[in-house]
N, C-alpha and C. Protein backbone atom coordinates (compact mmCIF):
# COMPACT_ATOMS: atom_id res chain seq x y z
N MET A 1 0.86 -1.18 0.00
CA MET A 1 0.00 0.00 0.00
C MET A 1 0.90 1.23 0.00
N SER A 2 0.76 2.11 -0.99
CA SER A 2 1.70 3.22 -1.13
C SER A 2 1.52 4.24 -0.01
N ASN A 3 0.28 4.50 0.37
CA ASN A 3 0.05 5.45 1.45
C ASN A 3 -0.95 4.86 2.42
N PRO A 4 -0.47 4.12 3.42
CA PRO A 4 -1.39 3.47 4.36
C PRO A 4 -2.19 4.51 5.14
N PRO A 5 -3.38 4.15 5.60
CA PRO A 5 -4.21 5.14 6.32
C PRO A 5 -3.63 5.55 7.66
N LEU A 6 -2.85 4.66 8.26
CA LEU A 6 -2.27 4.93 9.58
C LEU A 6 -0.76 4.80 9.50
N LYS A 7 -0.07 5.74 10.10
CA LYS A 7 1.37 5.61 10.30
C LYS A 7 1.67 5.77 11.78
N ALA A 8 2.77 5.17 12.22
CA ALA A 8 3.12 5.22 13.64
C ALA A 8 4.63 5.28 13.81
N ALA A 9 5.04 5.95 14.87
CA ALA A 9 6.44 6.00 15.26
C ALA A 9 6.54 5.67 16.74
N LEU A 10 7.50 4.84 17.11
CA LEU A 10 7.71 4.49 18.51
C LEU A 10 8.78 5.38 19.10
N ILE A 11 8.48 5.94 20.26
CA ILE A 11 9.40 6.87 20.91
C ILE A 11 9.59 6.41 22.36
N PRO A 12 10.69 5.72 22.67
CA PRO A 12 10.91 5.28 24.05
C PRO A 12 11.09 6.49 24.98
N VAL A 13 10.39 6.47 26.11
CA VAL A 13 10.44 7.58 27.06
C VAL A 13 10.65 7.06 28.47
N THR A 14 11.09 7.93 29.33
CA THR A 14 11.36 7.70 30.75
C THR A 14 12.54 6.74 30.92
N PRO A 15 13.11 6.69 32.12
CA PRO A 15 14.20 5.73 32.37
C PRO A 15 13.78 4.27 32.18
N LEU A 16 12.46 4.01 32.15
CA LEU A 16 11.97 2.64 31.97
C LEU A 16 11.81 2.28 30.49
N GLN A 17 12.18 3.22 29.60
CA GLN A 17 12.15 2.96 28.16
C GLN A 17 10.80 2.42 27.70
N GLN A 18 9.78 3.16 28.06
CA GLN A 18 8.40 2.81 27.70
C GLN A 18 8.12 3.30 26.29
N ASN A 19 7.50 2.44 25.48
CA ASN A 19 7.19 2.80 24.09
C ASN A 19 5.99 3.73 24.02
N CYS A 20 6.23 5.03 23.90
CA CYS A 20 5.15 5.94 23.53
C CYS A 20 4.96 5.82 22.03
N THR A 21 3.72 5.71 21.59
CA THR A 21 3.43 5.64 20.15
C THR A 21 2.84 6.94 19.67
N LEU A 22 3.48 7.51 18.66
CA LEU A 22 2.89 8.62 17.92
C LEU A 22 2.20 7.99 16.71
N LEU A 23 0.87 8.05 16.69
CA LEU A 23 0.17 7.51 15.52
C LEU A 23 -0.63 8.61 14.87
N TRP A 24 -0.74 8.53 13.55
CA TRP A 24 -1.47 9.59 12.86
C TRP A 24 -2.19 9.06 11.63
N CYS A 25 -3.21 9.82 11.27
CA CYS A 25 -4.03 9.57 10.08
C CYS A 25 -3.36 10.27 8.91
N THR A 26 -3.00 9.50 7.90
CA THR A 26 -2.26 10.09 6.76
C THR A 26 -3.16 10.98 5.90
N ALA A 27 -4.47 10.79 5.98
CA ALA A 27 -5.38 11.63 5.19
C ALA A 27 -5.49 13.05 5.74
N THR A 28 -5.31 13.19 7.07
CA THR A 28 -5.52 14.49 7.72
C THR A 28 -4.28 15.04 8.42
N ASN A 29 -3.27 14.17 8.63
CA ASN A 29 -2.09 14.52 9.44
C ASN A 29 -2.45 14.87 10.88
N LYS A 30 -3.62 14.42 11.32
CA LYS A 30 -3.98 14.55 12.73
C LYS A 30 -3.55 13.28 13.45
N GLY A 31 -3.07 13.45 14.68
CA GLY A 31 -2.51 12.31 15.38
C GLY A 31 -2.79 12.30 16.86
N ALA A 32 -2.28 11.26 17.51
CA ALA A 32 -2.41 11.10 18.96
C ALA A 32 -1.13 10.51 19.50
N PHE A 33 -0.83 10.85 20.74
CA PHE A 33 0.19 10.14 21.48
C PHE A 33 -0.50 9.07 22.32
N VAL A 34 -0.02 7.85 22.24
CA VAL A 34 -0.50 6.78 23.11
C VAL A 34 0.55 6.56 24.19
N ASP A 35 0.17 6.78 25.43
CA ASP A 35 1.04 6.59 26.59
C ASP A 35 2.26 7.51 26.61
N PRO A 36 2.03 8.83 26.63
CA PRO A 36 3.14 9.77 26.74
C PRO A 36 3.58 9.91 28.20
N GLY A 37 4.40 8.98 28.65
CA GLY A 37 4.76 8.94 30.06
C GLY A 37 5.73 10.01 30.50
N GLY A 38 6.52 10.56 29.57
CA GLY A 38 7.51 11.56 29.95
C GLY A 38 8.29 12.02 28.73
N ASP A 39 9.40 12.72 28.98
CA ASP A 39 10.26 13.24 27.90
C ASP A 39 9.43 14.03 26.89
N LEU A 40 8.67 14.99 27.39
CA LEU A 40 7.70 15.68 26.54
C LEU A 40 8.34 16.45 25.40
N SER A 41 9.51 17.02 25.63
CA SER A 41 10.17 17.77 24.55
C SER A 41 10.52 16.84 23.39
N LYS A 42 10.93 15.62 23.71
CA LYS A 42 11.23 14.63 22.67
C LYS A 42 9.96 14.26 21.89
N LEU A 43 8.85 14.14 22.59
CA LEU A 43 7.59 13.78 21.93
C LEU A 43 7.12 14.90 21.01
N LYS A 44 7.17 16.12 21.50
CA LYS A 44 6.71 17.24 20.67
C LYS A 44 7.60 17.41 19.44
N ALA A 45 8.90 17.15 19.61
CA ALA A 45 9.81 17.24 18.47
C ALA A 45 9.48 16.19 17.42
N ALA A 46 9.11 14.98 17.88
CA ALA A 46 8.76 13.90 16.94
C ALA A 46 7.51 14.26 16.16
N ALA A 47 6.51 14.82 16.83
CA ALA A 47 5.28 15.23 16.12
C ALA A 47 5.61 16.29 15.07
N ALA A 48 6.45 17.25 15.44
CA ALA A 48 6.82 18.30 14.50
C ALA A 48 7.60 17.73 13.32
N GLN A 49 8.48 16.79 13.60
CA GLN A 49 9.29 16.19 12.54
C GLN A 49 8.42 15.50 11.49
N HIS A 50 7.35 14.86 11.94
CA HIS A 50 6.46 14.14 11.02
C HIS A 50 5.32 15.01 10.50
N GLY A 51 5.28 16.27 10.93
CA GLY A 51 4.23 17.17 10.46
C GLY A 51 2.85 16.81 10.98
N VAL A 52 2.81 16.26 12.19
CA VAL A 52 1.54 15.77 12.75
C VAL A 52 0.98 16.78 13.74
N THR A 53 -0.30 17.06 13.62
CA THR A 53 -1.01 17.89 14.59
C THR A 53 -1.67 16.97 15.61
N ILE A 54 -1.25 17.08 16.86
CA ILE A 54 -1.80 16.20 17.90
C ILE A 54 -3.18 16.69 18.30
N GLU A 55 -4.16 15.77 18.25
CA GLU A 55 -5.52 16.17 18.62
C GLU A 55 -6.02 15.49 19.89
N LYS A 56 -5.29 14.48 20.38
CA LYS A 56 -5.70 13.86 21.64
C LYS A 56 -4.58 12.98 22.18
N ILE A 57 -4.75 12.55 23.41
CA ILE A 57 -3.85 11.61 24.08
C ILE A 57 -4.65 10.38 24.45
N LEU A 58 -4.10 9.22 24.15
CA LEU A 58 -4.74 7.95 24.50
C LEU A 58 -3.87 7.24 25.55
N ILE A 59 -4.52 6.62 26.53
CA ILE A 59 -3.80 5.97 27.63
C ILE A 59 -4.25 4.51 27.74
N THR A 60 -3.26 3.58 27.76
CA THR A 60 -3.62 2.17 27.93
C THR A 60 -3.85 1.81 29.39
N HIS A 61 -3.03 2.39 30.30
CA HIS A 61 -3.21 2.07 31.72
C HIS A 61 -2.49 3.10 32.58
N GLY A 62 -2.73 3.02 33.89
CA GLY A 62 -2.36 4.10 34.78
C GLY A 62 -0.98 4.05 35.39
N HIS A 63 -0.09 3.19 34.94
CA HIS A 63 1.26 3.17 35.50
C HIS A 63 2.06 4.39 35.06
N ILE A 64 2.96 4.82 35.93
CA ILE A 64 3.61 6.12 35.76
C ILE A 64 4.42 6.23 34.48
N ASP A 65 5.08 5.15 34.05
CA ASP A 65 5.90 5.24 32.84
C ASP A 65 5.03 5.40 31.59
N HIS A 66 3.75 5.11 31.71
CA HIS A 66 2.82 5.24 30.58
C HIS A 66 2.04 6.55 30.59
N CYS A 67 1.84 7.13 31.76
CA CYS A 67 0.97 8.32 31.77
C CYS A 67 1.37 9.36 32.80
N GLY A 68 2.57 9.26 33.35
CA GLY A 68 2.97 10.19 34.41
C GLY A 68 2.85 11.66 34.03
N GLU A 69 3.19 11.98 32.77
CA GLU A 69 3.12 13.38 32.34
C GLU A 69 2.02 13.63 31.31
N ALA A 70 1.08 12.71 31.23
CA ALA A 70 -0.01 12.88 30.25
C ALA A 70 -0.82 14.14 30.53
N GLY A 71 -1.12 14.39 31.80
CA GLY A 71 -1.90 15.56 32.16
C GLY A 71 -1.19 16.85 31.81
N THR A 72 0.12 16.87 32.05
CA THR A 72 0.92 18.05 31.71
C THR A 72 0.91 18.30 30.21
N LEU A 73 1.11 17.23 29.43
CA LEU A 73 1.14 17.36 27.98
C LEU A 73 -0.22 17.79 27.44
N ALA A 74 -1.28 17.26 28.01
CA ALA A 74 -2.63 17.63 27.55
C ALA A 74 -2.87 19.12 27.74
N LYS A 75 -2.40 19.66 28.87
CA LYS A 75 -2.55 21.10 29.11
C LYS A 75 -1.71 21.90 28.12
N GLU A 76 -0.46 21.47 27.90
CA GLU A 76 0.42 22.20 26.99
C GLU A 76 -0.13 22.24 25.56
N LEU A 77 -0.73 21.12 25.13
CA LEU A 77 -1.22 21.03 23.75
C LEU A 77 -2.70 21.39 23.63
N ASP A 78 -3.36 21.57 24.79
CA ASP A 78 -4.80 21.85 24.82
C ASP A 78 -5.58 20.76 24.11
N VAL A 79 -5.32 19.52 24.50
CA VAL A 79 -6.04 18.37 23.94
C VAL A 79 -6.63 17.53 25.07
N LYS A 80 -7.51 16.62 24.71
CA LYS A 80 -8.18 15.77 25.69
C LYS A 80 -7.48 14.43 25.84
N ILE A 81 -7.73 13.79 26.97
CA ILE A 81 -7.18 12.47 27.28
C ILE A 81 -8.31 11.46 27.29
N GLU A 82 -8.12 10.36 26.54
CA GLU A 82 -9.10 9.27 26.53
C GLU A 82 -8.42 8.00 27.00
N GLY A 83 -9.07 7.32 27.95
CA GLY A 83 -8.53 6.10 28.52
C GLY A 83 -7.78 6.40 29.81
N PRO A 84 -7.52 5.34 30.57
CA PRO A 84 -7.91 3.95 30.36
C PRO A 84 -9.33 3.67 30.84
N GLN A 85 -9.60 2.44 31.25
CA GLN A 85 -10.88 2.09 31.86
C GLN A 85 -10.83 2.55 33.32
N GLU A 86 -11.98 2.87 33.88
CA GLU A 86 -12.00 3.61 35.14
C GLU A 86 -11.43 2.86 36.35
N ALA A 87 -11.31 1.54 36.26
CA ALA A 87 -10.71 0.81 37.38
C ALA A 87 -9.26 1.24 37.62
N ASP A 88 -8.64 1.88 36.63
CA ASP A 88 -7.26 2.35 36.81
C ASP A 88 -7.20 3.73 37.47
N ARG A 89 -8.32 4.26 37.90
CA ARG A 89 -8.30 5.47 38.72
C ARG A 89 -7.39 5.25 39.94
N PHE A 90 -7.39 4.02 40.45
CA PHE A 90 -6.52 3.65 41.58
C PHE A 90 -5.07 4.02 41.30
N TRP A 91 -4.58 3.70 40.09
CA TRP A 91 -3.19 3.96 39.75
C TRP A 91 -2.96 5.43 39.43
N ILE A 92 -3.89 6.05 38.71
CA ILE A 92 -3.70 7.44 38.33
C ILE A 92 -3.66 8.34 39.57
N SER A 93 -4.43 7.96 40.61
CA SER A 93 -4.46 8.76 41.84
C SER A 93 -3.13 8.70 42.59
N ARG A 94 -2.26 7.75 42.23
CA ARG A 94 -0.98 7.58 42.92
C ARG A 94 0.20 8.17 42.14
N LEU A 95 -0.04 8.86 41.03
CA LEU A 95 1.05 9.25 40.15
C LEU A 95 2.06 10.18 40.83
N ASP A 96 1.58 11.13 41.62
CA ASP A 96 2.53 12.01 42.31
C ASP A 96 3.42 11.21 43.26
N GLU A 97 2.78 10.35 44.02
CA GLU A 97 3.49 9.51 44.99
C GLU A 97 4.47 8.55 44.29
N ASP A 98 4.01 7.92 43.21
CA ASP A 98 4.88 6.99 42.48
C ASP A 98 6.03 7.73 41.80
N GLY A 99 5.78 8.97 41.38
CA GLY A 99 6.84 9.76 40.78
C GLY A 99 7.99 9.98 41.74
N ARG A 100 7.65 10.29 42.97
CA ARG A 100 8.71 10.46 43.98
C ARG A 100 9.43 9.16 44.22
N LYS A 101 8.69 8.06 44.21
CA LYS A 101 9.29 6.75 44.49
C LYS A 101 10.25 6.31 43.38
N TYR A 102 9.88 6.57 42.13
CA TYR A 102 10.68 6.09 40.99
C TYR A 102 11.58 7.16 40.39
N GLY A 103 11.51 8.39 40.90
CA GLY A 103 12.32 9.45 40.34
C GLY A 103 11.89 9.87 38.95
N ILE A 104 10.59 9.74 38.67
CA ILE A 104 10.01 10.12 37.38
C ILE A 104 8.95 11.17 37.65
N ASP A 105 8.85 12.16 36.77
CA ASP A 105 7.79 13.16 36.94
C ASP A 105 6.43 12.48 36.78
N GLY A 106 5.59 12.65 37.77
CA GLY A 106 4.25 12.08 37.69
C GLY A 106 3.25 13.02 38.33
N HIS A 107 2.12 13.23 37.66
CA HIS A 107 1.11 14.16 38.15
C HIS A 107 -0.27 13.57 37.93
N VAL A 108 -1.07 13.58 38.98
CA VAL A 108 -2.43 13.06 38.90
C VAL A 108 -3.23 13.87 37.88
N PHE A 109 -4.07 13.19 37.10
CA PHE A 109 -4.93 13.86 36.13
C PHE A 109 -6.26 13.12 36.08
N GLU A 110 -7.22 13.75 35.47
CA GLU A 110 -8.54 13.13 35.26
C GLU A 110 -8.76 13.02 33.76
N PRO A 111 -8.86 11.79 33.22
CA PRO A 111 -9.14 11.68 31.78
C PRO A 111 -10.45 12.38 31.42
N ASP A 112 -10.51 12.88 30.20
CA ASP A 112 -11.76 13.47 29.73
C ASP A 112 -12.79 12.40 29.40
N ARG A 113 -12.30 11.19 29.15
CA ARG A 113 -13.20 10.09 28.82
C ARG A 113 -12.58 8.78 29.30
N TRP A 114 -13.27 8.10 30.19
CA TRP A 114 -12.90 6.73 30.54
C TRP A 114 -13.43 5.82 29.44
N LEU A 115 -12.71 4.76 29.15
CA LEU A 115 -13.09 3.87 28.06
C LEU A 115 -13.59 2.52 28.58
N GLU A 116 -14.45 1.90 27.80
CA GLU A 116 -14.98 0.57 28.13
C GLU A 116 -14.76 -0.37 26.95
N ASN A 117 -14.76 -1.66 27.22
CA ASN A 117 -14.67 -2.65 26.17
C ASN A 117 -15.78 -2.42 25.14
N GLY A 118 -15.40 -2.38 23.86
CA GLY A 118 -16.38 -2.15 22.81
C GLY A 118 -16.49 -0.71 22.36
N ASP A 119 -15.85 0.21 23.10
CA ASP A 119 -15.83 1.60 22.65
C ASP A 119 -14.94 1.75 21.41
N THR A 120 -15.04 2.91 20.77
CA THR A 120 -14.10 3.27 19.72
C THR A 120 -13.52 4.64 20.04
N VAL A 121 -12.31 4.89 19.52
CA VAL A 121 -11.71 6.21 19.59
C VAL A 121 -11.34 6.61 18.17
N THR A 122 -11.35 7.90 17.91
CA THR A 122 -10.99 8.39 16.58
C THR A 122 -9.70 9.18 16.66
N VAL A 123 -8.92 9.08 15.59
CA VAL A 123 -7.73 9.91 15.39
C VAL A 123 -7.77 10.34 13.94
N GLY A 124 -8.05 11.63 13.70
CA GLY A 124 -8.31 12.05 12.33
C GLY A 124 -9.49 11.26 11.78
N ASP A 125 -9.29 10.62 10.62
CA ASP A 125 -10.34 9.79 10.03
C ASP A 125 -10.27 8.34 10.49
N LEU A 126 -9.28 8.00 11.30
CA LEU A 126 -9.11 6.63 11.76
C LEU A 126 -10.08 6.31 12.88
N VAL A 127 -10.55 5.07 12.92
CA VAL A 127 -11.37 4.58 14.02
C VAL A 127 -10.68 3.37 14.62
N LEU A 128 -10.35 3.44 15.92
CA LEU A 128 -9.69 2.33 16.61
C LEU A 128 -10.67 1.72 17.60
N ASP A 129 -10.66 0.40 17.67
CA ASP A 129 -11.50 -0.32 18.62
C ASP A 129 -10.79 -0.46 19.96
N VAL A 130 -11.58 -0.41 21.02
CA VAL A 130 -11.05 -0.49 22.39
C VAL A 130 -11.40 -1.83 22.99
N TYR A 131 -10.39 -2.49 23.56
CA TYR A 131 -10.60 -3.76 24.26
C TYR A 131 -10.09 -3.62 25.69
N HIS A 132 -10.98 -3.91 26.64
CA HIS A 132 -10.59 -3.90 28.05
C HIS A 132 -9.85 -5.21 28.34
N CYS A 133 -8.60 -5.10 28.75
CA CYS A 133 -7.75 -6.28 28.97
C CYS A 133 -7.11 -6.20 30.35
N PRO A 134 -7.87 -6.49 31.40
CA PRO A 134 -7.33 -6.37 32.75
C PRO A 134 -6.34 -7.49 33.07
N GLY A 135 -5.64 -7.31 34.17
CA GLY A 135 -4.69 -8.31 34.63
C GLY A 135 -3.40 -7.67 35.09
N HIS A 136 -2.74 -6.94 34.19
CA HIS A 136 -1.56 -6.16 34.59
C HIS A 136 -2.01 -5.03 35.50
N THR A 137 -3.04 -4.32 35.07
CA THR A 137 -3.80 -3.39 35.92
C THR A 137 -5.27 -3.67 35.66
N PRO A 138 -6.14 -3.27 36.59
CA PRO A 138 -7.56 -3.62 36.42
C PRO A 138 -8.26 -2.87 35.29
N GLY A 139 -7.73 -1.68 34.93
CA GLY A 139 -8.41 -0.89 33.91
C GLY A 139 -7.66 -0.78 32.60
N HIS A 140 -6.76 -1.72 32.34
CA HIS A 140 -5.92 -1.67 31.13
C HIS A 140 -6.78 -1.84 29.88
N VAL A 141 -6.50 -1.01 28.87
CA VAL A 141 -7.18 -1.16 27.58
C VAL A 141 -6.15 -1.29 26.46
N VAL A 142 -6.61 -1.87 25.36
CA VAL A 142 -5.80 -2.07 24.15
C VAL A 142 -6.51 -1.35 23.01
N PHE A 143 -5.72 -0.74 22.13
CA PHE A 143 -6.27 -0.05 20.95
C PHE A 143 -5.93 -0.85 19.69
N HIS A 144 -6.93 -1.07 18.83
CA HIS A 144 -6.74 -1.91 17.65
C HIS A 144 -7.28 -1.19 16.41
N HIS A 145 -6.43 -1.07 15.40
CA HIS A 145 -6.88 -0.53 14.12
C HIS A 145 -6.95 -1.68 13.13
N ALA A 146 -8.16 -2.19 12.94
CA ALA A 146 -8.34 -3.40 12.14
C ALA A 146 -7.82 -3.28 10.72
N PRO A 147 -8.08 -2.16 9.99
CA PRO A 147 -7.60 -2.09 8.61
C PRO A 147 -6.07 -2.17 8.49
N SER A 148 -5.37 -1.70 9.52
CA SER A 148 -3.91 -1.74 9.50
C SER A 148 -3.34 -3.01 10.15
N LYS A 149 -4.23 -3.83 10.74
CA LYS A 149 -3.79 -5.02 11.47
C LYS A 149 -2.72 -4.66 12.49
N LEU A 150 -3.03 -3.61 13.27
CA LEU A 150 -2.10 -3.10 14.28
C LEU A 150 -2.83 -2.93 15.60
N ALA A 151 -2.19 -3.41 16.67
CA ALA A 151 -2.72 -3.23 18.02
C ALA A 151 -1.65 -2.58 18.89
N ILE A 152 -2.08 -1.69 19.76
CA ILE A 152 -1.19 -1.08 20.76
C ILE A 152 -1.64 -1.64 22.10
N VAL A 153 -0.79 -2.49 22.69
CA VAL A 153 -1.25 -3.35 23.78
C VAL A 153 -0.69 -2.98 25.15
N GLY A 154 0.07 -1.88 25.24
CA GLY A 154 0.61 -1.52 26.55
C GLY A 154 1.39 -2.67 27.17
N ASP A 155 1.13 -2.92 28.44
CA ASP A 155 1.89 -3.96 29.15
C ASP A 155 1.10 -5.26 29.31
N VAL A 156 0.16 -5.51 28.40
CA VAL A 156 -0.55 -6.79 28.43
C VAL A 156 0.34 -7.91 27.91
N LEU A 157 1.01 -7.67 26.79
CA LEU A 157 1.76 -8.71 26.08
C LEU A 157 3.05 -8.11 25.53
N PHE A 158 4.12 -8.89 25.59
CA PHE A 158 5.41 -8.49 25.03
C PHE A 158 5.94 -9.59 24.12
N GLN A 159 6.95 -9.26 23.35
CA GLN A 159 7.63 -10.30 22.59
C GLN A 159 8.28 -11.25 23.59
N GLY A 160 7.74 -12.47 23.66
CA GLY A 160 8.31 -13.49 24.53
C GLY A 160 7.93 -13.41 25.98
N SER A 161 6.99 -12.53 26.34
CA SER A 161 6.62 -12.40 27.75
C SER A 161 5.22 -11.82 27.86
N ILE A 162 4.78 -11.63 29.10
CA ILE A 162 3.49 -11.00 29.38
C ILE A 162 3.68 -9.97 30.49
N GLY A 163 2.64 -9.18 30.73
CA GLY A 163 2.74 -8.17 31.77
C GLY A 163 2.84 -8.76 33.16
N ARG A 164 3.51 -8.03 34.03
CA ARG A 164 3.59 -8.44 35.44
C ARG A 164 2.22 -8.37 36.08
N THR A 165 1.98 -9.28 37.01
CA THR A 165 0.70 -9.24 37.73
C THR A 165 0.91 -9.21 39.24
N ASP A 166 2.14 -8.88 39.67
CA ASP A 166 2.44 -8.86 41.11
C ASP A 166 2.28 -7.47 41.71
N PHE A 167 1.81 -6.50 40.90
CA PHE A 167 1.51 -5.18 41.45
C PHE A 167 0.14 -5.21 42.13
N PRO A 168 -0.16 -4.21 42.96
CA PRO A 168 -1.50 -4.14 43.55
C PRO A 168 -2.58 -4.19 42.47
N MET A 169 -3.60 -4.99 42.71
CA MET A 169 -4.76 -5.15 41.83
C MET A 169 -4.43 -5.89 40.54
N GLY A 170 -3.25 -6.50 40.45
CA GLY A 170 -2.93 -7.36 39.32
C GLY A 170 -3.60 -8.72 39.48
N ASN A 171 -3.83 -9.40 38.36
CA ASN A 171 -4.47 -10.72 38.42
C ASN A 171 -4.00 -11.55 37.23
N HIS A 172 -3.24 -12.60 37.51
CA HIS A 172 -2.62 -13.39 36.45
C HIS A 172 -3.67 -14.05 35.54
N GLN A 173 -4.69 -14.64 36.14
CA GLN A 173 -5.68 -15.34 35.31
C GLN A 173 -6.47 -14.37 34.44
N ASP A 174 -6.76 -13.19 34.99
CA ASP A 174 -7.44 -12.17 34.18
C ASP A 174 -6.59 -11.81 32.96
N LEU A 175 -5.28 -11.71 33.17
CA LEU A 175 -4.38 -11.35 32.07
C LEU A 175 -4.38 -12.42 30.99
N ILE A 176 -4.25 -13.67 31.40
CA ILE A 176 -4.25 -14.77 30.43
C ILE A 176 -5.57 -14.81 29.67
N ASP A 177 -6.67 -14.63 30.39
CA ASP A 177 -7.99 -14.64 29.76
C ASP A 177 -8.14 -13.50 28.76
N ALA A 178 -7.58 -12.32 29.10
CA ALA A 178 -7.68 -11.18 28.20
C ALA A 178 -6.88 -11.43 26.92
N ILE A 179 -5.68 -12.00 27.07
CA ILE A 179 -4.84 -12.26 25.90
C ILE A 179 -5.49 -13.28 24.99
N THR A 180 -5.92 -14.39 25.55
CA THR A 180 -6.47 -15.47 24.72
C THR A 180 -7.89 -15.15 24.24
N GLY A 181 -8.66 -14.43 25.06
CA GLY A 181 -10.06 -14.19 24.72
C GLY A 181 -10.31 -12.93 23.93
N ARG A 182 -9.42 -11.93 24.08
CA ARG A 182 -9.66 -10.64 23.41
C ARG A 182 -8.60 -10.29 22.38
N LEU A 183 -7.37 -10.74 22.56
CA LEU A 183 -6.34 -10.41 21.58
C LEU A 183 -6.23 -11.45 20.47
N TRP A 184 -6.17 -12.71 20.82
CA TRP A 184 -6.00 -13.74 19.78
C TRP A 184 -7.08 -13.67 18.71
N PRO A 185 -8.36 -13.42 19.05
CA PRO A 185 -9.37 -13.37 17.99
C PRO A 185 -9.16 -12.23 16.98
N LEU A 186 -8.29 -11.29 17.27
CA LEU A 186 -8.04 -10.20 16.32
C LEU A 186 -7.22 -10.67 15.12
N GLY A 187 -6.63 -11.88 15.22
CA GLY A 187 -5.94 -12.45 14.07
C GLY A 187 -4.45 -12.56 14.27
N GLY A 188 -3.89 -13.68 13.85
CA GLY A 188 -2.47 -13.94 14.02
C GLY A 188 -1.58 -12.98 13.26
N ASP A 189 -2.10 -12.42 12.16
CA ASP A 189 -1.28 -11.50 11.37
C ASP A 189 -1.31 -10.07 11.91
N THR A 190 -1.91 -9.89 13.08
CA THR A 190 -1.91 -8.58 13.73
C THR A 190 -0.56 -8.31 14.36
N ALA A 191 0.05 -7.21 13.98
CA ALA A 191 1.29 -6.77 14.63
C ALA A 191 0.92 -5.95 15.86
N PHE A 192 1.75 -6.02 16.88
CA PHE A 192 1.43 -5.24 18.08
C PHE A 192 2.64 -4.47 18.60
N VAL A 193 2.32 -3.30 19.15
CA VAL A 193 3.29 -2.46 19.84
C VAL A 193 3.16 -2.74 21.33
N PRO A 194 4.18 -3.30 21.97
CA PRO A 194 4.12 -3.51 23.41
C PRO A 194 4.58 -2.26 24.16
N GLY A 195 4.36 -2.25 25.45
CA GLY A 195 4.77 -1.11 26.26
C GLY A 195 6.27 -0.97 26.39
N HIS A 196 6.99 -2.05 26.17
CA HIS A 196 8.45 -2.04 26.25
C HIS A 196 8.98 -3.05 25.25
N GLY A 197 10.12 -2.75 24.63
CA GLY A 197 10.77 -3.71 23.77
C GLY A 197 10.24 -3.70 22.35
N ALA A 198 10.59 -4.78 21.63
CA ALA A 198 10.33 -4.84 20.19
C ALA A 198 8.91 -5.28 19.87
N MET A 199 8.44 -4.88 18.68
CA MET A 199 7.14 -5.33 18.20
C MET A 199 7.18 -6.82 17.86
N SER A 200 5.98 -7.40 17.76
CA SER A 200 5.85 -8.80 17.37
C SER A 200 4.48 -8.97 16.72
N THR A 201 4.10 -10.21 16.46
CA THR A 201 2.75 -10.50 15.97
C THR A 201 2.08 -11.49 16.91
N PHE A 202 0.76 -11.50 16.88
CA PHE A 202 0.05 -12.45 17.73
C PHE A 202 0.38 -13.89 17.33
N ALA A 203 0.54 -14.15 16.03
CA ALA A 203 0.86 -15.51 15.59
C ALA A 203 2.20 -15.97 16.16
N HIS A 204 3.18 -15.07 16.16
CA HIS A 204 4.50 -15.43 16.69
C HIS A 204 4.39 -15.77 18.17
N GLU A 205 3.63 -14.97 18.92
CA GLU A 205 3.51 -15.23 20.36
C GLU A 205 2.71 -16.51 20.63
N ARG A 206 1.73 -16.80 19.79
CA ARG A 206 0.97 -18.04 19.98
C ARG A 206 1.83 -19.27 19.72
N ARG A 207 2.86 -19.09 18.91
CA ARG A 207 3.78 -20.21 18.65
C ARG A 207 4.85 -20.35 19.71
N SER A 208 5.37 -19.21 20.22
CA SER A 208 6.62 -19.28 20.95
C SER A 208 6.64 -18.66 22.33
N ASN A 209 5.61 -17.90 22.71
CA ASN A 209 5.65 -17.22 24.00
C ASN A 209 5.50 -18.24 25.13
N PRO A 210 6.46 -18.30 26.07
CA PRO A 210 6.42 -19.35 27.10
C PRO A 210 5.24 -19.23 28.06
N TYR A 211 4.54 -18.10 28.04
CA TYR A 211 3.41 -17.91 28.96
C TYR A 211 2.07 -18.13 28.30
N VAL A 212 1.96 -17.80 27.01
CA VAL A 212 0.64 -17.84 26.36
C VAL A 212 0.65 -18.53 25.01
N ALA A 213 1.70 -19.28 24.70
CA ALA A 213 1.65 -20.09 23.46
C ALA A 213 0.49 -21.06 23.57
N ASP A 214 -0.06 -21.44 22.41
CA ASP A 214 -1.21 -22.35 22.40
C ASP A 214 -0.92 -23.64 23.14
N GLN A 215 0.32 -24.14 23.04
CA GLN A 215 0.64 -25.40 23.70
C GLN A 215 0.64 -25.25 25.22
N VAL A 216 0.77 -23.99 25.70
CA VAL A 216 0.73 -23.74 27.15
C VAL A 216 -0.72 -23.53 27.62
N THR A 217 -1.48 -22.75 26.88
CA THR A 217 -2.84 -22.40 27.32
C THR A 217 -3.88 -23.44 26.89
N GLY A 218 -3.56 -24.23 25.86
CA GLY A 218 -4.54 -25.18 25.36
C GLY A 218 -5.54 -24.57 24.42
N VAL A 219 -5.34 -23.30 24.05
CA VAL A 219 -6.24 -22.64 23.09
C VAL A 219 -5.96 -23.18 21.69
N THR A 220 -7.00 -23.53 20.97
CA THR A 220 -6.80 -24.10 19.63
C THR A 220 -7.42 -23.24 18.53
N ALA A 221 -8.42 -22.46 18.86
CA ALA A 221 -9.10 -21.66 17.83
C ALA A 221 -8.28 -20.45 17.45
């Protein structure tokens, strides 16, 4: 496809090297930051470099490396924040405290829109589907653009691993159920952006991921 409807750039931010995604609609050059946890000057420079006008911020979950400075950026750009699901209010309310603990700038904010499973979000002319995938955090959501076969999954799934569930309100079985029940049906040829590390595909993880490969979970469909 010479000019795909969606383009994306990964920008690692914070000392935890969290993948902030700059995604944009090629028809309008309007875009969004997904999980702008920090390093705001680097993010704004990336948007300018690609000629993208940021119209909103999307959040997968409330951990500080994913959204510590989202509220600050939203004010600077005068845009709204959508996501995560409201159960992650628990984590967002702790951002100032967690910032001091981890040495990362973190500021409590209130999203303009909490998201639920089955919702959609728009970026320019793009429409992304929202999937509630709890386990790593209770209100974690995933964004999926079906025409591009691309998912932004935060800390639900990684190349060769899965999200931690030993934090407060984590739940290992919920995480496994979300991956197998909500991500796998999106199709093996779906590429995904994880919260940390390299991209992969659902098919690759179903073959080789030691936590959620089909031979481990018993999923066959």
